[in-house]
Protein backbone atom coordinates (compact mmCIF):
# COMPACT_ATOMS: atom_id res chain seq x y z
CA MET A 1 1.76 -33.17 45.29
CA VAL A 2 0.75 -29.85 45.12
CA GLU A 3 -1.84 -30.27 46.67
CA GLU A 4 -1.07 -32.88 49.52
CA ALA A 5 1.41 -29.99 50.11
CA LEU A 6 -1.40 -27.16 50.45
CA ALA A 7 -3.21 -29.77 52.93
CA ARG A 8 -0.27 -30.19 54.70
CA ARG A 9 1.27 -26.48 54.63
CA TYR A 10 4.89 -28.01 55.88
CA ARG A 11 6.85 -25.82 58.16
CA VAL A 12 10.62 -25.65 57.07
CA ALA A 13 13.55 -24.27 57.79
CA VAL A 14 16.58 -23.93 55.47
CA LEU A 15 19.97 -23.80 56.39
CA ALA A 16 22.44 -21.30 53.07
CA THR A 17 25.72 -19.96 54.03
CA HIS A 18 24.51 -17.15 51.62
CA PRO A 19 22.29 -15.99 48.76
CA VAL A 20 22.97 -17.57 45.96
CA TYR A 21 21.24 -17.11 42.29
CA TYR A 22 20.31 -20.14 41.67
CA GLN A 23 19.18 -20.98 45.01
CA ALA A 24 16.84 -17.87 45.34
CA PRO A 25 14.26 -19.25 43.15
CA ILE A 26 13.47 -22.38 44.51
CA PHE A 27 13.02 -20.47 48.07
CA ARG A 28 10.58 -18.82 46.27
CA ARG A 29 8.60 -21.93 44.71
CA LEU A 30 8.56 -23.68 47.91
CA SER A 31 7.14 -20.45 49.89
CA GLU A 32 4.51 -20.47 47.70
CA ILE A 33 3.15 -24.40 49.35
CA ALA A 34 5.17 -24.26 52.23
CA GLU A 35 5.83 -22.03 55.86
CA VAL A 36 9.57 -21.14 54.97
CA VAL A 37 12.30 -19.38 56.83
CA VAL A 38 15.91 -19.55 55.23
CA TYR A 39 18.94 -19.04 57.53
CA PHE A 40 21.68 -17.18 56.08
CA CYS A 41 25.26 -17.49 57.33
CA HIS A 42 26.48 -14.38 55.72
CA ASP A 43 25.60 -11.59 52.96
CA LEU A 44 27.86 -12.44 50.21
CA GLY A 45 26.33 -10.65 46.79
CA VAL A 46 24.08 -9.12 48.42
CA ASP A 47 25.95 -5.84 48.77
CA ASN A 48 29.31 -5.16 46.84
CA SER A 49 31.48 -8.00 47.52
CA PHE A 50 35.01 -8.41 46.15
CA ASP A 51 35.06 -12.12 44.49
CA PRO A 52 39.05 -12.97 44.16
CA GLU A 53 37.95 -15.37 41.49
CA PHE A 54 36.55 -12.99 39.34
CA ALA A 55 39.27 -10.56 40.78
CA ARG A 56 36.88 -7.61 40.77
CA ILE A 57 33.49 -6.33 43.11
CA ILE A 58 30.68 -8.10 42.35
CA GLN A 59 27.37 -6.85 42.72
CA TRP A 60 24.05 -8.82 41.25
CA ASP A 61 21.49 -7.41 39.15
CA VAL A 62 18.98 -9.73 40.76
CA ASP A 63 16.78 -9.46 43.74
CA LEU A 64 17.85 -12.94 45.35
CA LEU A 65 15.82 -11.92 48.98
CA ARG A 66 13.03 -11.22 47.45
CA GLY A 67 9.39 -13.87 47.84
CA TYR A 68 10.26 -15.78 50.62
CA LYS A 69 11.23 -15.26 54.76
CA TYR A 70 14.31 -14.95 55.57
CA LYS A 71 16.77 -14.59 58.96
CA TRP A 72 20.81 -13.66 59.40
CA LEU A 73 22.52 -15.94 61.61
CA TRP A 74 24.41 -14.44 64.02
CA ARG A 75 28.33 -14.73 63.18
CA VAL A 76 31.63 -13.78 64.57
CA PRO A 77 31.76 -9.84 64.14
CA PHE A 78 34.40 -8.79 61.17
CA ALA A 79 34.36 -11.99 59.63
CA ARG A 80 34.84 -11.75 55.96
CA PRO A 81 31.73 -12.85 54.48
CA GLY A 82 32.62 -16.31 52.51
CA SER A 83 34.96 -17.02 54.81
CA LEU A 84 35.00 -20.03 57.33
CA ALA A 85 34.73 -18.10 59.94
CA SER A 86 31.44 -16.57 58.47
CA THR A 87 30.07 -19.50 59.29
CA PHE A 88 30.39 -20.30 62.43
CA ASN A 89 26.79 -19.68 62.98
CA PRO A 90 26.06 -21.47 66.86
CA SER A 91 22.60 -19.52 66.84
CA ILE A 92 20.70 -22.35 64.35
CA VAL A 93 20.90 -23.95 67.18
CA TRP A 94 19.23 -22.30 69.07
CA HIS A 95 16.37 -21.06 66.46
CA LEU A 96 15.74 -25.09 65.09
CA MET A 97 15.30 -25.50 69.50
CA ARG A 98 12.55 -22.84 69.36
CA GLY A 99 10.71 -23.07 66.02
CA GLN A 100 8.35 -26.23 65.57
CA TYR A 101 9.78 -27.40 61.81
CA ASP A 102 9.05 -30.59 60.35
CA ALA A 103 12.07 -30.49 58.54
CA ILE A 104 15.31 -28.62 57.97
CA ILE A 105 16.70 -28.36 54.68
CA VAL A 106 20.78 -27.86 55.19
CA GLN A 107 22.91 -27.32 52.03
CA GLY A 108 25.84 -28.53 52.29
CA TYR A 109 28.06 -30.13 55.55
CA THR A 110 31.51 -28.88 55.24
CA TYR A 111 31.12 -25.70 57.33
CA PRO A 112 30.56 -25.27 61.04
CA ALA A 113 26.86 -23.81 60.87
CA ALA A 114 25.89 -27.38 59.36
CA VAL A 115 27.41 -29.18 62.26
CA PHE A 116 25.19 -26.29 64.39
CA ALA A 117 22.18 -27.61 62.33
CA PHE A 118 22.63 -31.20 62.72
CA LEU A 119 23.53 -30.93 66.47
CA GLY A 120 20.11 -28.42 67.28
CA ALA A 121 18.44 -30.80 64.96
CA TRP A 122 18.82 -33.82 66.27
CA LEU A 123 18.64 -32.23 69.92
CA ARG A 124 14.66 -31.01 68.80
CA GLY A 125 13.95 -34.05 66.55
CA THR A 126 13.74 -32.49 63.75
CA PRO A 127 13.68 -34.66 60.48
CA VAL A 128 17.26 -33.21 58.37
CA LEU A 129 17.10 -33.10 54.64
CA LEU A 130 20.69 -33.14 53.47
CA ARG A 131 21.09 -31.33 50.12
CA GLY A 132 24.14 -31.54 48.25
CA GLU A 133 26.61 -31.50 45.52
CA ALA A 134 29.70 -33.67 46.29
CA ASP A 135 30.94 -36.46 43.52
CA LEU A 136 33.26 -38.95 43.28
CA VAL A 137 34.84 -37.58 40.21
CA ARG A 138 37.92 -36.62 42.56
CA PRO A 139 37.31 -38.97 45.41
CA ALA A 140 39.73 -38.49 48.20
CA THR A 141 42.43 -40.42 48.47
CA GLY A 142 44.76 -42.62 51.31
CA TRP A 143 43.97 -41.02 54.90
CA ARG A 144 41.65 -38.59 53.73
CA ALA A 145 39.92 -41.37 52.45
CA THR A 146 39.61 -43.38 55.81
CA VAL A 147 38.91 -40.13 58.09
CA LYS A 148 36.09 -39.20 55.36
CA ASP A 149 34.60 -42.62 55.49
CA ALA A 150 34.68 -42.80 59.80
CA LEU A 151 33.23 -39.36 59.37
CA LEU A 152 30.36 -38.92 57.17
CA ARG A 153 28.66 -42.63 57.07
CA PRO A 154 27.67 -42.23 60.78
CA LEU A 155 26.86 -38.64 59.95
CA LEU A 156 24.30 -39.54 56.50
CA LYS A 157 22.84 -42.84 58.86
CA ARG A 158 21.36 -39.90 60.93
CA VAL A 159 20.05 -37.93 58.07
CA GLN A 160 16.62 -38.38 57.45
CA ALA A 161 16.98 -37.73 53.51
CA VAL A 162 19.15 -36.87 51.07
CA LEU A 163 18.23 -34.36 47.83
CA TYR A 164 20.56 -35.28 45.26
CA SER A 165 21.37 -33.12 42.49
CA CYS A 166 22.34 -35.19 39.78
CA SER A 167 23.43 -39.17 39.04
CA ALA A 168 27.07 -38.20 39.90
CA ASN A 169 25.78 -37.31 43.44
CA ARG A 170 23.50 -40.13 43.92
CA GLU A 171 26.19 -42.53 43.28
CA TYR A 172 28.33 -40.50 45.97
CA TYR A 173 25.89 -40.68 48.59
CA ARG A 174 25.06 -44.57 47.49
CA HIS A 175 28.91 -44.82 48.27
CA TYR A 176 28.59 -43.67 51.53
CA GLY A 177 26.14 -46.20 52.33
CA VAL A 178 22.74 -43.69 51.93
CA PRO A 179 19.81 -46.30 51.26
CA GLU A 180 17.76 -45.83 47.97
CA GLU A 181 14.27 -45.20 49.85
CA LYS A 182 16.38 -42.16 51.35
CA LEU A 183 17.54 -40.06 48.32
CA PHE A 184 15.20 -37.96 46.34
CA PHE A 185 15.89 -36.13 43.10
CA CYS A 186 16.15 -32.24 43.56
CA PRO A 187 18.51 -31.50 40.05
CA CYS A 188 21.13 -28.57 39.25
CA ALA A 189 18.69 -26.53 37.74
CA VAL A 190 18.28 -23.07 36.31
CA ASP A 191 15.37 -20.62 35.64
CA ASN A 192 14.20 -22.77 32.59
CA GLU A 193 11.74 -20.32 31.97
CA PHE A 194 13.79 -17.41 32.07
CA TRP A 195 16.32 -18.31 29.99
CA GLN A 196 14.38 -19.56 27.15
CA GLU A 197 12.35 -16.23 27.06
CA GLN A 198 15.72 -14.37 26.65
CA ALA A 199 16.58 -17.23 23.58
CA GLU A 200 12.70 -16.27 22.33
CA LYS A 201 14.03 -12.29 22.48
CA PHE A 202 17.45 -12.17 21.74
CA LYS A 203 17.90 -15.20 19.04
CA PRO A 204 16.22 -13.17 15.80
CA ARG A 205 18.68 -10.62 16.44
CA ARG A 206 22.08 -12.94 16.32
CA ARG A 207 23.69 -11.07 13.35
CA GLU A 208 22.78 -7.72 15.08
CA LEU A 209 24.64 -8.50 18.31
CA LYS A 210 27.66 -10.02 16.80
CA GLU A 211 27.96 -7.02 14.73
CA GLN A 212 28.26 -4.69 17.87
CA TYR A 213 30.96 -6.96 18.99
CA GLY A 214 33.19 -6.47 15.72
CA ILE A 215 31.93 -10.03 14.80
CA ALA A 216 31.32 -10.80 11.48
CA GLY A 217 27.27 -11.79 11.05
CA ASP A 218 27.97 -14.70 9.59
CA SER A 219 30.84 -16.22 12.04
CA PRO A 220 30.22 -18.71 14.12
CA VAL A 221 31.13 -17.78 17.50
CA VAL A 222 32.41 -20.30 20.35
CA LEU A 223 31.48 -19.23 23.73
CA PHE A 224 33.40 -19.49 27.52
CA VAL A 225 31.07 -18.30 30.15
CA GLY A 226 33.22 -18.74 33.60
CA LYS A 227 35.95 -17.16 35.58
CA LEU A 228 39.77 -16.70 33.92
CA ILE A 229 40.61 -19.30 36.77
CA ASP A 230 43.19 -22.20 36.48
CA HIS A 231 40.57 -24.85 36.99
CA LYS A 232 38.34 -23.53 34.49
CA ARG A 233 41.27 -24.19 31.98
CA PRO A 234 40.80 -21.34 29.59
CA LEU A 235 43.78 -21.64 28.07
CA ASP A 236 43.26 -25.48 27.03
CA LEU A 237 40.45 -23.51 24.90
CA LEU A 238 42.75 -20.79 23.79
CA ARG A 239 45.01 -23.85 22.43
CA ALA A 240 42.22 -25.76 20.92
CA PHE A 241 40.79 -22.67 19.09
CA GLU A 242 44.46 -21.52 17.69
CA GLY A 243 44.47 -24.72 16.46
CA ILE A 244 41.59 -24.88 13.79
CA TYR A 245 41.97 -20.98 13.28
CA SER A 246 42.70 -20.97 10.01
CA GLU A 247 40.75 -23.61 9.12
CA CYS A 248 37.66 -21.46 9.59
CA ASP A 249 36.58 -17.77 10.12
CA ALA A 250 34.90 -18.60 13.62
CA SER A 251 35.33 -16.03 16.91
CA LEU A 252 35.69 -17.19 19.83
CA VAL A 253 34.36 -14.94 22.76
CA PHE A 254 35.33 -15.25 26.75
CA ILE A 255 32.95 -13.94 29.06
CA GLY A 256 34.24 -13.19 32.76
CA ASP A 257 37.21 -12.12 34.37
CA GLY A 258 39.64 -13.56 36.39
CA PRO A 259 43.46 -13.80 37.44
CA LEU A 260 44.36 -15.36 34.26
CA ARG A 261 42.67 -12.59 31.96
CA GLY A 262 46.57 -10.72 31.50
CA GLU A 263 47.96 -14.20 30.15
CA LEU A 264 44.95 -15.11 27.84
CA GLU A 265 45.09 -11.74 26.35
CA ARG A 266 49.14 -11.33 25.87
CA GLU A 267 48.82 -14.80 23.99
CA VAL A 268 46.32 -13.12 21.74
CA LYS A 269 48.03 -10.60 20.96
CA GLY A 270 51.32 -12.46 20.40
CA ARG A 271 49.83 -14.92 18.07
CA GLY A 272 47.99 -12.74 16.24
CA LEU A 273 44.53 -14.40 17.26
CA GLU A 274 42.04 -11.11 15.66
CA ARG A 275 38.61 -13.07 15.98
CA VAL A 276 39.28 -13.90 20.05
CA TYR A 277 37.09 -11.30 22.28
CA PHE A 278 37.45 -10.82 25.60
CA VAL A 279 33.89 -9.05 27.02
CA GLY A 280 34.40 -8.97 30.94
CA PHE A 281 31.94 -9.98 33.92
CA LYS A 282 28.63 -9.71 32.70
CA ASN A 283 26.01 -10.26 35.13
CA GLN A 284 23.05 -12.45 34.65
CA THR A 285 20.50 -10.35 33.19
CA GLU A 286 23.63 -8.98 30.30
CA LEU A 287 23.89 -12.45 29.54
CA GLY A 288 21.25 -12.83 26.63
CA PRO A 289 22.54 -11.39 23.91
CA PHE A 290 25.84 -13.71 24.45
CA TYR A 291 24.30 -16.86 24.73
CA ALA A 292 21.95 -15.63 21.92
CA MET A 293 24.85 -14.74 19.03
CA ALA A 294 27.07 -18.54 20.17
CA ASP A 295 26.76 -21.45 18.19
CA VAL A 296 28.98 -23.45 20.58
CA PHE A 297 29.62 -23.56 23.91
CA VAL A 298 32.62 -24.89 25.68
CA LEU A 299 33.27 -25.94 29.24
CA SER A 300 37.23 -26.82 29.46
CA SER A 301 37.29 -27.60 33.39
CA ASP A 302 39.37 -29.65 35.16
CA TYR A 303 36.40 -30.20 37.98
CA ASP A 304 33.05 -28.59 37.95
CA ARG A 305 30.65 -30.37 40.03
CA SER A 306 27.14 -28.32 38.46
CA PRO A 307 28.21 -25.50 36.13
CA LYS A 308 25.06 -23.57 35.79
CA ALA A 309 26.54 -21.79 32.84
CA LEU A 310 26.11 -25.02 31.16
CA ASN A 311 22.02 -25.30 31.87
CA GLU A 312 21.71 -22.10 30.16
CA ALA A 313 23.92 -22.47 27.46
CA MET A 314 21.51 -25.67 26.35
CA ASN A 315 18.29 -23.36 27.31
CA PHE A 316 19.51 -21.42 24.38
CA GLY A 317 19.89 -24.26 21.98
CA LEU A 318 23.35 -25.00 21.57
CA PRO A 319 25.58 -27.56 21.20
CA VAL A 320 27.78 -28.14 24.25
CA ILE A 321 31.68 -29.62 24.61
CA VAL A 322 32.01 -29.96 28.07
CA THR A 323 35.65 -31.89 29.91
CA ASP A 324 34.97 -35.55 31.65
CA ARG A 325 35.32 -33.49 34.98
CA VAL A 326 31.70 -32.25 34.76
CA GLY A 327 29.48 -33.45 37.46
CA THR A 328 26.49 -32.94 35.68
CA ALA A 329 27.63 -34.37 32.16
CA PRO A 330 26.52 -37.55 32.22
CA ASP A 331 23.02 -36.56 32.86
CA LEU A 332 22.99 -33.48 30.59
CA VAL A 333 25.97 -34.38 27.98
CA HIS A 334 24.86 -36.91 25.74
CA HIS A 335 28.09 -37.72 24.02
CA GLY A 336 27.81 -37.17 20.28
CA VAL A 337 23.79 -36.66 20.52
CA ASN A 338 23.59 -32.97 21.61
CA GLY A 339 27.15 -32.53 22.41
CA PHE A 340 30.80 -33.89 23.53
CA ILE A 341 32.45 -35.17 26.29
CA TYR A 342 36.15 -35.38 25.80
CA PRO A 343 39.16 -35.87 28.79
CA VAL A 344 40.31 -33.08 30.44
CA GLY A 345 43.43 -31.38 29.23
CA ASP A 346 43.28 -32.95 25.86
CA VAL A 347 43.18 -29.86 23.49
CA GLY A 348 43.77 -32.26 20.17
CA ALA A 349 40.53 -33.38 21.37
CA LEU A 350 38.86 -30.70 22.30
CA ARG A 351 39.79 -29.21 18.92
CA ARG A 352 38.62 -32.16 16.37
CA HIS A 353 35.24 -31.73 18.30
CA LEU A 354 35.34 -28.04 18.26
CA SER A 355 36.12 -28.55 14.36
CA GLU A 356 33.33 -30.86 13.77
CA LEU A 357 30.50 -28.87 14.96
CA LEU A 358 32.08 -25.57 12.98
CA GLU A 359 32.33 -27.18 9.89
CA ASP A 360 28.48 -28.44 9.89
CA SER A 361 26.00 -25.89 10.97
CA GLY A 362 23.10 -28.80 10.43
CA ARG A 363 24.48 -30.94 12.54
CA ARG A 364 25.03 -27.79 15.83
CA GLU A 365 21.25 -27.16 14.86
CA HIS A 366 20.20 -31.01 15.70
CA MET A 367 22.24 -31.08 18.17
CA GLY A 368 21.58 -27.75 20.37
CA ARG A 369 17.55 -29.21 19.52
CA ARG A 370 18.48 -31.94 21.59
CA SER A 371 19.77 -29.71 24.23
CA LEU A 372 16.81 -27.93 25.02
CA GLU A 373 14.93 -31.27 24.77
CA ILE A 374 17.19 -32.31 27.71
CA VAL A 375 17.42 -29.49 29.80
CA SER A 376 13.61 -28.97 29.55
CA ARG A 377 13.51 -31.62 32.09
CA TRP A 378 15.94 -29.90 34.60
CA SER A 379 13.82 -27.18 36.17
CA PHE A 380 13.08 -25.37 39.48
CA GLU A 381 9.91 -27.43 39.16
CA GLU A 382 11.68 -30.53 39.52
CA ASP A 383 13.75 -29.34 42.45
CA VAL A 384 10.56 -28.80 44.23
CA ARG A 385 8.56 -31.77 43.45
CA GLY A 386 11.55 -33.81 45.15
CA ILE A 387 11.51 -31.32 48.19
CA LEU A 388 8.12 -32.40 48.70
CA LYS A 389 8.60 -36.15 47.99
CA ALA A 390 11.50 -36.41 50.86
CA LEU A 391 8.97 -34.09 53.46
CA ASP A 392 6.06 -36.76 52.74
CA TYR A 393 8.59 -39.45 53.23
CA VAL A 394 10.22 -38.09 56.60
CA CYS A 395 7.23 -36.78 58.30
CA SER A 396 5.13 -39.68 57.42
CA ARG A 397 7.52 -41.79 59.14
CA ARG A 398 8.20 -39.13 61.47
CA GLY A 399 4.46 -39.73 62.26
CA SER A 400 4.29 -43.46 62.15
CA ARG A 401 7.15 -43.30 65.00
CA ASP A 402 5.24 -41.18 67.46
CA GLY A 403 1.86 -42.95 66.67
CA ARG A 404 0.48 -40.09 64.79
CA ASN A 405 -1.63 -40.47 61.49
């Protein structure tokens, strides 16, 4: 596959709203075997940016622009990065009309620049590869469903290939009429190699790392990683943990910030839960020690399409507990094998699963090994493989229509 791609040397445009930690490595890898230009709508995350969900200024501690060619699209002056106005980028039409790209990968379709990209691609005759993470976990209903169906089906008919990110995402596109031959697997991945190296580095120091944060070295640790906001439902986890607090000596660690932090801290103090720790926001290169000291990872969200913290935790060989509203759960969490899936909001079920794992270290270790096996198949290499297959498909069909070999 790679040798064929090198021989063909595709020229590919990519449209993305802004630099994202989990997309940059894919762009770098793809740039090694194709001529790639990534067009960004705005620069959120590159410079210090206020994230209202984290309730703080965020500056990622990794270079999101290294190793691939990129361009900033013209955008509305003074539009706040991350706002809908900041993705009003009609200049992508000019770039596509001027460029001679074999295809454009459009990340998502619900923002203005994507609409302009579809227009430019269709005017230029450039094949479109659509990549998204939508699913039917919370489907549109009523008039919204009717309108969405009327708009999305014609759009998808004019898309030459779809890069689906998980089985739930694949079902979504099949629901809206995308034929099987146009679907190519491009998983919601993280840098498995990096996280597994971090695991090898920090896991031998688990006891030391725990004690640095005032946690007893032999105390099992339950870990939450994410924004402390309503839809992540961190209060569910806290209440489930409270239910087993007197039964075990486990500790609960919250990594992240957000509007709910104050409420969580007040509840912990008011209920005398001494083994609950809030360590605040941690950047990407700071997370390794916390995953290493953990014994169980919990994701209590009422909706999460592809939470990358789940992949990261699995790379550290952790058993995982997630809700049935996590889009990647059917692929990554095999109930009773490497973790548990419970109904969102069912604090009792979450409490029972926590108790099962915390009282049986052997089961935790076995499930953790299975987590590592499962997530190892979801990699950036698989992403690139899926993109190349899609490029082969659309370019061969385009060549056939043009009368070329």
